[in-house]
Amino acid sequence: MTQNNSEVDTILRGAELRLRRLSLDRLRVADDFLAYLEEKEADASTRELLSLAGFEGHYREALRQSEGGETVRFEDIRRDV
């Protein structure tokens, strides 16, 4: 999903203004709903990754390498960063 930074900033400012006008009880409900949406988006992203051929095996191998200390610092790969 491509996002326009200006549009995102406008929406966030508007949402913050509305959230600040809510009672504490309604603010809790809004926060719960936002957490629900965040979880749904993460679930969709996870499903998308798991649908890629070979992803799960590569992921498990990467975890094994990481846990075994078989890593290379990013700075050693990309010296111009």
N, C-alpha and C. Protein backbone atom coordinates (compact mmCIF):
# COMPACT_ATOMS: atom_id res chain seq x y z
N MET A 1 0.84 -1.17 0.00
CA MET A 1 0.00 0.00 0.00
C MET A 1 0.89 1.24 0.00
N THR A 2 0.72 2.08 -1.00
CA THR A 2 1.48 3.32 -1.09
C THR A 2 0.75 4.40 -0.32
N GLN A 3 1.49 5.12 0.50
CA GLN A 3 0.88 6.15 1.32
C GLN A 3 1.50 7.50 0.99
N ASN A 4 0.65 8.50 0.88
CA ASN A 4 1.09 9.86 0.68
C ASN A 4 1.36 10.45 2.05
N ASN A 5 2.62 10.85 2.31
CA ASN A 5 2.99 11.36 3.64
C ASN A 5 2.14 12.53 4.07
N SER A 6 1.82 13.42 3.16
CA SER A 6 0.99 14.59 3.48
C SER A 6 -0.40 14.14 3.92
N GLU A 7 -0.96 13.18 3.20
CA GLU A 7 -2.29 12.68 3.56
C GLU A 7 -2.25 11.97 4.91
N VAL A 8 -1.21 11.18 5.15
CA VAL A 8 -1.07 10.48 6.42
C VAL A 8 -0.97 11.49 7.57
N ASP A 9 -0.16 12.52 7.39
CA ASP A 9 -0.01 13.55 8.43
C ASP A 9 -1.34 14.23 8.72
N THR A 10 -2.09 14.55 7.68
CA THR A 10 -3.39 15.20 7.84
C THR A 10 -4.35 14.30 8.62
N ILE A 11 -4.39 13.04 8.27
CA ILE A 11 -5.28 12.10 8.95
C ILE A 11 -4.87 11.93 10.41
N LEU A 12 -3.57 11.81 10.65
CA LEU A 12 -3.09 11.65 12.03
C LEU A 12 -3.42 12.87 12.89
N ARG A 13 -3.25 14.06 12.32
CA ARG A 13 -3.58 15.28 13.08
C ARG A 13 -5.07 15.32 13.42
N GLY A 14 -5.91 15.00 12.44
CA GLY A 14 -7.35 14.98 12.68
C GLY A 14 -7.74 13.94 13.72
N ALA A 15 -7.14 12.77 13.62
CA ALA A 15 -7.45 11.70 14.58
C ALA A 15 -7.03 12.10 15.98
N GLU A 16 -5.86 12.72 16.10
CA GLU A 16 -5.40 13.15 17.42
C GLU A 16 -6.36 14.18 18.03
N LEU A 17 -6.81 15.12 17.22
CA LEU A 17 -7.75 16.13 17.72
C LEU A 17 -9.04 15.47 18.22
N ARG A 18 -9.56 14.52 17.44
CA ARG A 18 -10.79 13.82 17.85
C ARG A 18 -10.55 12.99 19.12
N LEU A 19 -9.41 12.30 19.19
CA LEU A 19 -9.10 11.47 20.36
C LEU A 19 -9.01 12.32 21.62
N ARG A 20 -8.43 13.50 21.51
CA ARG A 20 -8.27 14.38 22.68
C ARG A 20 -9.60 14.90 23.21
N ARG A 21 -10.65 14.88 22.39
CA ARG A 21 -11.96 15.35 22.83
C ARG A 21 -12.83 14.25 23.44
N LEU A 22 -12.35 13.00 23.40
CA LEU A 22 -13.13 11.88 23.92
C LEU A 22 -13.02 11.76 25.43
N SER A 23 -14.07 11.20 26.04
CA SER A 23 -13.99 10.86 27.46
C SER A 23 -13.01 9.71 27.63
N LEU A 24 -12.58 9.47 28.85
CA LEU A 24 -11.62 8.40 29.12
C LEU A 24 -12.18 7.05 28.68
N ASP A 25 -13.44 6.78 28.96
CA ASP A 25 -14.03 5.50 28.57
C ASP A 25 -14.05 5.34 27.05
N ARG A 26 -14.44 6.38 26.33
CA ARG A 26 -14.48 6.31 24.87
C ARG A 26 -13.06 6.23 24.30
N LEU A 27 -12.11 6.88 24.95
CA LEU A 27 -10.72 6.82 24.51
C LEU A 27 -10.19 5.39 24.63
N ARG A 28 -10.57 4.70 25.69
CA ARG A 28 -10.17 3.29 25.84
C ARG A 28 -10.75 2.43 24.72
N VAL A 29 -12.01 2.69 24.38
CA VAL A 29 -12.65 1.94 23.29
C VAL A 29 -11.92 2.21 21.98
N ALA A 30 -11.59 3.46 21.72
CA ALA A 30 -10.87 3.81 20.49
C ALA A 30 -9.51 3.13 20.46
N ASP A 31 -8.82 3.12 21.58
CA ASP A 31 -7.51 2.47 21.65
C ASP A 31 -7.63 0.97 21.40
N ASP A 32 -8.64 0.34 21.98
CA ASP A 32 -8.87 -1.09 21.74
C ASP A 32 -9.13 -1.36 20.27
N PHE A 33 -9.93 -0.48 19.64
CA PHE A 33 -10.24 -0.66 18.22
C PHE A 33 -8.98 -0.50 17.37
N LEU A 34 -8.15 0.49 17.69
CA LEU A 34 -6.90 0.68 16.96
C LEU A 34 -5.98 -0.53 17.11
N ALA A 35 -5.93 -1.09 18.31
CA ALA A 35 -5.12 -2.29 18.54
C ALA A 35 -5.65 -3.45 17.70
N TYR A 36 -6.97 -3.57 17.62
CA TYR A 36 -7.60 -4.61 16.80
C TYR A 36 -7.20 -4.44 15.32
N LEU A 37 -7.29 -3.21 14.81
CA LEU A 37 -6.92 -2.95 13.42
C LEU A 37 -5.44 -3.26 13.17
N GLU A 38 -4.60 -2.87 14.12
CA GLU A 38 -3.17 -3.13 14.00
C GLU A 38 -2.89 -4.63 13.93
N GLU A 39 -3.57 -5.39 14.76
CA GLU A 39 -3.39 -6.84 14.77
C GLU A 39 -3.86 -7.46 13.46
N LYS A 40 -4.99 -6.99 12.93
CA LYS A 40 -5.51 -7.50 11.66
C LYS A 40 -4.53 -7.22 10.52
N GLU A 41 -3.93 -6.03 10.52
CA GLU A 41 -2.97 -5.69 9.48
C GLU A 41 -1.73 -6.57 9.58
N ALA A 42 -1.27 -6.81 10.80
CA ALA A 42 -0.10 -7.68 11.00
C ALA A 42 -0.42 -9.10 10.57
N ASP A 43 -1.64 -9.56 10.88
CA ASP A 43 -2.04 -10.91 10.48
C ASP A 43 -2.06 -11.05 8.96
N ALA A 44 -2.56 -10.03 8.27
CA ALA A 44 -2.60 -10.07 6.81
C ALA A 44 -1.19 -10.10 6.24
N SER A 45 -0.29 -9.32 6.82
CA SER A 45 1.10 -9.31 6.35
C SER A 45 1.76 -10.66 6.58
N THR A 46 1.49 -11.26 7.73
CA THR A 46 2.05 -12.58 8.03
C THR A 46 1.53 -13.62 7.05
N ARG A 47 0.23 -13.59 6.77
CA ARG A 47 -0.35 -14.54 5.80
C ARG A 47 0.29 -14.36 4.42
N GLU A 48 0.53 -13.11 4.05
CA GLU A 48 1.14 -12.84 2.75
C GLU A 48 2.56 -13.42 2.69
N LEU A 49 3.33 -13.22 3.75
CA LEU A 49 4.69 -13.77 3.77
C LEU A 49 4.67 -15.29 3.74
N LEU A 50 3.79 -15.89 4.52
CA LEU A 50 3.74 -17.35 4.57
C LEU A 50 3.27 -17.96 3.26
N SER A 51 2.60 -17.18 2.42
CA SER A 51 2.14 -17.69 1.13
C SER A 51 3.26 -17.72 0.09
N LEU A 52 4.38 -17.04 0.37
CA LEU A 52 5.51 -17.05 -0.57
C LEU A 52 6.20 -18.40 -0.54
N ALA A 53 6.44 -18.95 -1.72
CA ALA A 53 7.07 -20.26 -1.82
C ALA A 53 8.44 -20.26 -1.13
N GLY A 54 8.64 -21.16 -0.19
CA GLY A 54 9.93 -21.33 0.47
C GLY A 54 10.19 -20.36 1.60
N PHE A 55 9.29 -19.41 1.85
CA PHE A 55 9.55 -18.40 2.87
C PHE A 55 9.76 -19.02 4.24
N GLU A 56 8.86 -19.92 4.63
CA GLU A 56 8.94 -20.47 5.99
C GLU A 56 10.26 -21.19 6.24
N GLY A 57 10.73 -21.95 5.27
CA GLY A 57 12.00 -22.64 5.41
C GLY A 57 13.17 -21.67 5.51
N HIS A 58 13.15 -20.64 4.67
CA HIS A 58 14.22 -19.63 4.71
C HIS A 58 14.19 -18.88 6.05
N TYR A 59 13.00 -18.61 6.54
CA TYR A 59 12.87 -17.90 7.82
C TYR A 59 13.44 -18.74 8.96
N ARG A 60 13.08 -20.02 8.97
CA ARG A 60 13.60 -20.91 10.02
C ARG A 60 15.13 -21.00 9.96
N GLU A 61 15.68 -21.06 8.75
CA GLU A 61 17.13 -21.11 8.59
C GLU A 61 17.77 -19.81 9.09
N ALA A 62 17.15 -18.69 8.79
CA ALA A 62 17.67 -17.40 9.25
C ALA A 62 17.65 -17.33 10.78
N LEU A 63 16.59 -17.83 11.40
CA LEU A 63 16.53 -17.87 12.87
C LEU A 63 17.65 -18.73 13.44
N ARG A 64 17.85 -19.91 12.82
CA ARG A 64 18.91 -20.81 13.28
C ARG A 64 20.27 -20.13 13.19
N GLN A 65 20.52 -19.46 12.08
CA GLN A 65 21.80 -18.78 11.90
C GLN A 65 21.96 -17.65 12.92
N SER A 66 20.90 -16.92 13.14
CA SER A 66 20.96 -15.81 14.10
C SER A 66 21.22 -16.31 15.51
N GLU A 67 20.49 -17.35 15.89
CA GLU A 67 20.66 -17.91 17.24
C GLU A 67 22.04 -18.53 17.41
N GLY A 68 22.63 -19.00 16.31
CA GLY A 68 23.96 -19.61 16.36
C GLY A 68 25.08 -18.59 16.20
N GLY A 69 24.74 -17.32 16.10
CA GLY A 69 25.75 -16.29 15.96
C GLY A 69 26.36 -16.20 14.57
N GLU A 70 25.71 -16.81 13.60
CA GLU A 70 26.23 -16.81 12.23
C GLU A 70 25.70 -15.59 11.47
N THR A 71 26.06 -14.41 11.95
CA THR A 71 25.55 -13.19 11.34
C THR A 71 26.70 -12.28 10.93
N VAL A 72 26.38 -11.32 10.09
CA VAL A 72 27.34 -10.31 9.65
C VAL A 72 26.70 -8.96 9.93
N ARG A 73 27.49 -8.04 10.50
CA ARG A 73 26.96 -6.71 10.77
C ARG A 73 26.58 -6.01 9.47
N PHE A 74 25.47 -5.30 9.49
CA PHE A 74 25.01 -4.57 8.30
C PHE A 74 26.08 -3.59 7.83
N GLU A 75 26.74 -2.94 8.77
CA GLU A 75 27.78 -1.97 8.43
C GLU A 75 28.93 -2.61 7.66
N ASP A 76 29.19 -3.91 7.90
CA ASP A 76 30.26 -4.60 7.19
C ASP A 76 29.86 -4.93 5.75
N ILE A 77 28.56 -4.97 5.50
CA ILE A 77 28.07 -5.25 4.15
C ILE A 77 27.92 -3.96 3.37
N ARG A 78 27.33 -2.96 4.01
CA ARG A 78 27.06 -1.67 3.38
C ARG A 78 27.93 -0.61 4.04
N ARG A 79 29.08 -0.37 3.51
CA ARG A 79 30.02 0.56 4.11
C ARG A 79 29.63 2.02 3.88
N ASP A 80 28.74 2.28 2.93
CA ASP A 80 28.35 3.66 2.61
C ASP A 80 27.17 4.15 3.45
N VAL A 81 26.80 3.39 4.48
CA VAL A 81 25.64 3.75 5.29
C VAL A 81 26.07 4.56 6.50
